[in-house]
N, C-alpha and C. Protein backbone atom coordinates (compact mmCIF):
# COMPACT_ATOMS: atom_id res chain seq x y z
N GLN A 1 101.03 95.32 75.65
CA GLN A 1 100.29 93.11 76.05
C GLN A 1 101.24 93.49 76.64
N VAL A 2 100.94 92.28 77.03
CA VAL A 2 101.04 91.25 78.10
C VAL A 2 100.74 90.15 77.56
N HIS A 3 101.92 89.41 78.00
CA HIS A 3 101.59 87.47 77.70
C HIS A 3 102.31 87.46 79.41
N LEU A 4 101.57 86.11 79.27
CA LEU A 4 101.18 85.70 81.06
C LEU A 4 101.42 84.12 80.18
N VAL A 5 102.07 83.61 81.15
CA VAL A 5 102.59 82.25 81.35
C VAL A 5 102.35 81.51 82.46
N GLU A 6 101.22 80.12 83.32
CA GLU A 6 101.10 79.72 84.58
C GLU A 6 101.79 78.15 84.37
N SER A 7 102.26 78.37 85.68
CA SER A 7 102.92 76.94 85.38
C SER A 7 102.62 76.51 87.49
N GLY A 8 103.21 74.96 87.43
CA GLY A 8 103.29 74.54 88.64
C GLY A 8 101.83 73.57 88.66
N GLY A 9 100.94 73.63 87.57
CA GLY A 9 100.00 72.48 87.49
C GLY A 9 100.36 71.18 87.53
N GLY A 10 99.93 70.23 88.05
CA GLY A 10 99.97 68.59 88.04
C GLY A 10 99.45 67.76 88.70
N SER A 11 99.26 66.81 89.27
CA SER A 11 98.15 65.70 89.78
C SER A 11 99.21 65.82 91.46
N VAL A 12 97.50 65.55 91.71
CA VAL A 12 98.07 65.48 93.64
C VAL A 12 97.02 64.84 94.36
N GLN A 13 97.43 64.19 95.39
CA GLN A 13 95.98 63.04 95.82
C GLN A 13 95.20 64.74 96.74
N ALA A 14 93.75 63.99 97.16
CA ALA A 14 92.86 64.76 97.94
C ALA A 14 93.96 65.34 99.51
N GLY A 15 93.50 66.48 99.60
CA GLY A 15 94.44 67.12 100.50
C GLY A 15 95.95 66.96 100.76
N GLY A 16 96.09 67.15 99.26
CA GLY A 16 97.74 67.85 98.82
C GLY A 16 97.78 69.01 98.66
N SER A 17 98.81 69.77 98.25
CA SER A 17 98.87 70.87 97.70
C SER A 17 99.49 70.93 96.91
N LEU A 18 99.28 72.52 96.03
CA LEU A 18 100.18 72.72 94.50
C LEU A 18 100.36 74.38 95.01
N ARG A 19 101.65 74.59 94.03
CA ARG A 19 101.47 76.07 93.75
C ARG A 19 101.85 76.82 92.48
N LEU A 20 100.76 77.51 92.12
CA LEU A 20 100.90 77.61 91.22
C LEU A 20 101.04 79.57 90.74
N THR A 21 101.87 79.64 89.67
CA THR A 21 102.66 81.03 89.22
C THR A 21 102.27 81.51 87.98
N CYS A 22 101.73 82.72 87.66
CA CYS A 22 101.48 83.33 86.67
C CYS A 22 102.52 83.86 86.60
N GLY A 23 103.63 83.87 85.48
CA GLY A 23 104.68 84.69 85.40
C GLY A 23 104.11 86.16 84.00
N ALA A 24 104.26 86.82 84.08
CA ALA A 24 104.12 88.19 83.10
C ALA A 24 104.74 88.65 82.06
N SER A 25 105.32 89.31 80.83
CA SER A 25 105.96 89.54 80.64
C SER A 25 105.52 90.55 79.41
N GLY A 26 106.03 91.54 79.37
CA GLY A 26 105.53 92.66 78.35
C GLY A 26 105.17 93.78 79.05
N ASP A 27 104.56 94.14 79.43
CA ASP A 27 103.62 95.65 79.59
C ASP A 27 104.16 94.81 81.50
N THR A 28 103.90 96.19 82.30
CA THR A 28 104.16 95.71 83.60
C THR A 28 102.84 95.56 84.25
N ILE A 29 103.00 94.96 85.31
CA ILE A 29 101.53 94.63 85.64
C ILE A 29 100.59 95.05 87.19
N CYS A 30 101.86 96.06 87.56
CA CYS A 30 101.95 96.58 88.87
C CYS A 30 100.37 97.08 88.83
N MET A 31 100.24 97.50 87.35
CA MET A 31 98.89 98.46 87.62
C MET A 31 97.35 97.80 87.34
N ALA A 32 97.56 96.56 87.18
CA ALA A 32 96.92 95.39 86.73
C ALA A 32 96.39 94.69 87.56
N ALA A 33 94.52 94.72 88.09
CA ALA A 33 93.96 93.62 89.11
C ALA A 33 94.38 92.18 88.18
N MET A 34 94.45 91.44 88.81
CA MET A 34 94.86 90.31 88.63
C MET A 34 93.95 89.31 89.44
N GLY A 35 93.49 87.98 88.29
CA GLY A 35 92.78 86.68 88.60
C GLY A 35 92.77 85.07 88.23
N TRP A 36 93.16 84.74 89.30
CA TRP A 36 92.87 83.26 89.25
C TRP A 36 91.52 82.42 88.63
N TYR A 37 91.37 81.70 87.13
CA TYR A 37 90.26 81.26 86.92
C TYR A 37 89.86 80.22 86.64
N ARG A 38 89.19 79.21 86.60
CA ARG A 38 89.23 77.39 86.56
C ARG A 38 88.03 76.96 85.56
N GLN A 39 88.10 76.07 84.54
CA GLN A 39 87.39 75.35 83.92
C GLN A 39 87.72 74.15 84.30
N ALA A 40 86.37 73.74 84.45
CA ALA A 40 86.74 71.84 84.19
C ALA A 40 86.30 71.47 83.29
N PRO A 41 85.71 70.20 82.58
CA PRO A 41 85.19 69.79 81.03
C PRO A 41 83.54 69.78 80.93
N GLY A 42 83.45 70.51 80.18
CA GLY A 42 81.46 71.09 80.38
C GLY A 42 80.66 71.83 80.92
N MET A 43 81.91 72.69 81.94
CA MET A 43 81.57 73.69 83.25
C MET A 43 82.03 75.15 81.83
N ALA A 44 81.28 75.94 82.93
CA ALA A 44 81.81 77.34 82.43
C ALA A 44 82.81 77.83 83.39
N ARG A 45 83.65 78.92 82.80
CA ARG A 45 85.04 79.45 83.95
C ARG A 45 84.22 80.03 84.93
N GLU A 46 85.23 79.40 86.11
CA GLU A 46 84.80 79.60 87.39
C GLU A 46 85.72 80.75 88.21
N LEU A 47 85.60 81.93 88.78
CA LEU A 47 86.25 82.68 89.45
C LEU A 47 87.16 82.04 90.46
N VAL A 48 88.02 82.25 91.10
CA VAL A 48 89.23 81.46 91.81
C VAL A 48 89.12 82.26 92.96
N ALA A 49 90.38 83.05 92.26
CA ALA A 49 90.56 84.45 93.59
C ALA A 49 91.20 85.61 92.61
N THR A 50 91.17 86.43 93.27
CA THR A 50 91.19 88.20 92.49
C THR A 50 92.02 88.74 93.64
N VAL A 51 93.39 89.48 92.99
CA VAL A 51 93.89 90.58 93.52
C VAL A 51 93.90 91.78 92.91
N THR A 52 93.35 92.88 93.74
CA THR A 52 93.98 94.54 92.96
C THR A 52 95.01 94.41 92.88
N ALA A 53 94.85 95.17 92.11
CA ALA A 53 96.99 95.92 92.18
C ALA A 53 97.46 96.46 93.23
N GLY A 54 96.80 96.89 93.84
CA GLY A 54 96.92 97.35 95.55
C GLY A 54 97.13 96.05 96.17
N GLY A 55 97.12 94.94 96.25
CA GLY A 55 96.79 93.85 97.19
C GLY A 55 96.05 93.58 97.57
N VAL A 56 94.82 93.59 97.67
CA VAL A 56 93.75 93.55 98.42
C VAL A 56 92.68 91.99 97.36
N PRO A 57 92.99 90.48 98.45
CA PRO A 57 92.44 89.59 97.36
C PRO A 57 91.23 89.81 98.21
N SER A 58 90.49 88.77 97.39
CA SER A 58 89.12 87.83 97.17
C SER A 58 89.52 86.76 96.64
N TYR A 59 88.05 85.77 96.78
CA TYR A 59 88.42 84.38 96.44
C TYR A 59 86.83 83.82 96.11
N GLY A 60 87.21 83.13 95.34
CA GLY A 60 85.37 82.17 95.14
C GLY A 60 85.23 81.90 96.59
N ASP A 61 83.53 81.37 96.62
CA ASP A 61 83.05 80.69 97.94
C ASP A 61 83.48 79.40 98.05
N SER A 62 83.78 78.66 97.23
CA SER A 62 84.62 77.27 96.93
C SER A 62 85.78 77.27 97.36
N VAL A 63 87.24 78.21 97.41
CA VAL A 63 88.24 77.78 97.72
C VAL A 63 88.22 78.66 98.54
N LYS A 64 87.38 79.54 99.33
CA LYS A 64 88.02 80.39 100.79
C LYS A 64 88.14 79.39 102.10
N GLY A 65 89.53 80.16 102.43
CA GLY A 65 89.84 79.05 103.71
C GLY A 65 90.90 78.04 103.22
N ARG A 66 91.37 77.78 101.97
CA ARG A 66 91.99 76.97 101.28
C ARG A 66 93.38 77.41 100.42
N PHE A 67 92.65 78.39 99.49
CA PHE A 67 93.66 78.97 98.17
C PHE A 67 94.07 80.41 99.38
N THR A 68 95.30 80.74 98.75
CA THR A 68 95.66 81.95 98.97
C THR A 68 96.51 82.44 97.47
N ILE A 69 96.08 84.00 97.13
CA ILE A 69 96.32 84.39 95.94
C ILE A 69 97.53 85.93 96.66
N SER A 70 98.51 85.69 95.82
CA SER A 70 99.69 86.66 95.99
C SER A 70 99.53 86.68 94.72
N ARG A 71 100.88 88.52 94.94
CA ARG A 71 101.30 88.69 94.05
C ARG A 71 102.61 89.53 94.40
N ASP A 72 104.05 89.23 93.27
CA ASP A 72 105.16 89.93 93.38
C ASP A 72 105.47 91.00 92.40
N ASN A 73 105.17 92.01 92.49
CA ASN A 73 105.11 92.92 91.46
C ASN A 73 106.80 93.27 90.52
N ALA A 74 107.97 93.14 91.45
CA ALA A 74 108.78 93.47 91.58
C ALA A 74 109.29 92.18 90.79
N ARG A 75 108.67 90.85 90.46
CA ARG A 75 109.35 89.65 89.78
C ARG A 75 107.75 89.14 89.02
N SER A 76 107.17 90.28 88.49
CA SER A 76 106.13 90.34 87.77
C SER A 76 105.41 89.25 87.68
N ARG A 77 104.88 88.52 88.83
CA ARG A 77 104.28 87.29 88.50
C ARG A 77 103.10 87.81 89.91
N VAL A 78 102.34 86.60 89.66
CA VAL A 78 101.06 86.28 90.63
C VAL A 78 100.99 84.33 91.17
N ILE A 79 101.18 84.49 92.13
CA ILE A 79 100.96 83.30 92.76
C ILE A 79 99.64 82.59 93.36
N LEU A 80 99.55 81.91 92.86
CA LEU A 80 98.23 80.60 93.74
C LEU A 80 98.66 80.03 94.84
N GLN A 81 98.45 79.99 95.71
CA GLN A 81 99.05 78.95 96.92
C GLN A 81 97.46 77.75 97.18
N MET A 82 97.66 76.37 96.70
CA MET A 82 96.00 75.71 96.88
C MET A 82 96.30 75.01 98.10
N ASP A 83 95.85 74.60 98.89
CA ASP A 83 96.26 73.74 100.16
C ASP A 83 94.81 73.37 100.33
N SER A 84 94.90 72.03 100.46
CA SER A 84 93.92 71.31 101.26
C SER A 84 92.72 71.00 99.84
N LEU A 85 93.77 70.04 98.24
CA LEU A 85 92.94 70.39 97.50
C LEU A 85 91.86 68.75 97.67
N LYS A 86 90.79 68.90 96.95
CA LYS A 86 89.89 68.65 96.76
C LYS A 86 89.82 67.51 95.14
N PRO A 87 89.06 66.47 94.65
CA PRO A 87 88.53 66.24 93.53
C PRO A 87 87.91 67.50 93.03
N GLU A 88 86.97 68.11 93.20
CA GLU A 88 86.08 68.57 92.76
C GLU A 88 87.21 70.30 92.38
N ASP A 89 88.33 70.16 92.32
CA ASP A 89 89.49 71.36 92.50
C ASP A 89 89.77 71.51 91.02
N THR A 90 89.96 69.43 90.46
CA THR A 90 90.06 69.78 89.25
C THR A 90 89.82 70.23 88.39
N ALA A 91 90.60 71.13 87.19
CA ALA A 91 90.09 71.98 86.34
C ALA A 91 91.56 72.71 85.80
N VAL A 92 91.69 72.78 84.55
CA VAL A 92 92.34 73.96 84.18
C VAL A 92 92.47 75.49 84.61
N TYR A 93 93.33 75.84 84.72
CA TYR A 93 93.50 77.05 85.62
C TYR A 93 93.70 78.26 85.00
N TYR A 94 93.37 79.13 84.43
CA TYR A 94 94.17 80.51 84.20
C TYR A 94 94.32 81.92 85.23
N CYS A 95 95.15 82.20 84.53
CA CYS A 95 95.89 83.44 84.87
C CYS A 95 95.11 84.78 83.96
N ALA A 96 94.93 86.27 84.72
CA ALA A 96 94.30 87.01 83.92
C ALA A 96 94.21 88.12 84.56
N ALA A 97 94.96 89.13 83.69
CA ALA A 97 94.92 90.77 83.69
C ALA A 97 93.96 91.49 83.29
N ALA A 98 93.59 92.54 84.10
CA ALA A 98 93.17 93.36 83.22
C ALA A 98 93.23 94.89 83.98
N TYR A 99 93.09 95.77 83.27
CA TYR A 99 93.50 97.29 83.29
C TYR A 99 92.63 98.01 83.55
N ILE A 100 92.43 98.59 84.76
CA ILE A 100 90.83 99.50 84.85
C ILE A 100 91.02 101.02 85.25
N SER A 101 90.18 101.42 84.82
CA SER A 101 90.41 103.07 84.38
C SER A 101 90.20 103.31 85.94
N THR A 102 89.66 103.33 86.38
CA THR A 102 88.40 103.74 87.68
C THR A 102 88.94 103.02 88.80
N ALA A 103 89.48 103.41 89.83
CA ALA A 103 90.43 103.13 91.36
C ALA A 103 91.16 102.12 90.89
N PRO A 104 92.12 102.39 90.13
CA PRO A 104 92.92 100.81 89.61
C PRO A 104 93.44 100.36 90.96
N MET A 105 93.64 101.06 91.57
CA MET A 105 94.62 100.13 93.05
C MET A 105 93.97 99.46 93.40
N TRP A 106 91.83 99.74 93.34
CA TRP A 106 91.82 98.89 94.60
C TRP A 106 90.15 98.12 94.10
N SER A 107 90.16 97.83 92.32
CA SER A 107 89.10 98.06 91.53
C SER A 107 89.52 96.07 91.39
N VAL A 108 89.02 95.20 90.95
CA VAL A 108 88.71 93.63 89.79
C VAL A 108 87.69 94.02 89.07
N PRO A 109 87.82 93.38 87.82
CA PRO A 109 86.45 93.29 86.74
C PRO A 109 85.32 92.30 87.68
N SER A 110 84.20 93.17 87.40
CA SER A 110 83.10 92.43 87.75
C SER A 110 82.21 91.03 86.96
N GLU A 111 82.79 91.13 85.71
CA GLU A 111 82.47 90.00 84.34
C GLU A 111 84.11 89.88 83.76
N ILE A 112 83.75 88.68 83.88
CA ILE A 112 84.87 87.91 83.19
C ILE A 112 85.49 88.36 81.70
N TYR A 113 84.34 88.97 80.81
CA TYR A 113 84.65 89.66 80.06
C TYR A 113 85.92 90.38 80.29
N GLU A 114 86.11 91.61 81.12
CA GLU A 114 86.44 92.97 81.39
C GLU A 114 87.83 92.74 81.66
N TYR A 115 88.65 90.80 81.44
CA TYR A 115 89.93 90.62 81.89
C TYR A 115 90.57 91.39 80.10
N ASP A 116 91.69 91.93 79.91
CA ASP A 116 92.36 91.97 79.08
C ASP A 116 93.23 90.92 78.44
N PHE A 117 94.00 90.17 79.35
CA PHE A 117 94.92 89.10 78.89
C PHE A 117 94.19 87.67 79.52
N TRP A 118 94.99 86.86 79.26
CA TRP A 118 94.28 85.65 79.58
C TRP A 118 96.48 84.77 79.10
N GLY A 119 96.02 83.83 79.84
CA GLY A 119 97.31 82.81 80.10
C GLY A 119 97.01 81.14 78.92
N GLN A 120 97.25 80.49 78.83
CA GLN A 120 97.18 79.59 78.30
C GLN A 120 96.28 78.28 78.88
N GLY A 121 97.03 78.58 80.41
CA GLY A 121 95.77 77.67 81.04
C GLY A 121 97.25 76.86 81.38
N THR A 122 96.86 75.60 82.95
CA THR A 122 97.81 74.66 83.82
C THR A 122 96.67 73.72 83.70
N GLN A 123 96.93 72.54 84.01
CA GLN A 123 95.95 71.80 84.14
C GLN A 123 96.57 71.30 85.97
N VAL A 124 95.09 70.82 86.68
CA VAL A 124 95.19 70.58 88.14
C VAL A 124 94.42 69.35 88.25
N THR A 125 95.21 68.20 88.85
CA THR A 125 94.44 67.30 88.83
C THR A 125 94.37 66.85 90.28
N VAL A 126 93.10 66.63 90.78
CA VAL A 126 93.07 65.97 92.47
C VAL A 126 92.08 64.25 93.01
N SER A 127 93.25 63.09 92.49
CA SER A 127 92.34 62.35 92.86
C SER A 127 92.13 62.15 94.14
N SER A 128 91.18 61.35 94.01
CA SER A 128 90.79 60.84 95.95
C SER A 128 91.44 59.34 96.25
């Protein structure tokens, strides 16, 4: 079992930055693919970024060039650095972990339901 806790959310003006942290406890996350998702009111949960167990990042089209995902396995955490924030980035941001049996170092889930553990979310609000 892995317990994930997000922190670092808050309110910021457009163009500003926030740094979200996902802290993990319980089982190690060093062999887990990690993801950040977000959900705005009335919308489906949307992929923001993922990072493989081997450290390879990928991003949703709406955040490419503005957000950076990284992982610190020694401290059991995953960071999402968000720059040049826009009002449309406003959402609850969730951290998730997936333990993949095939090529675990280089794979990420292709479907949201493949994630094994989720955090409770942290609110990000960007004002114009």
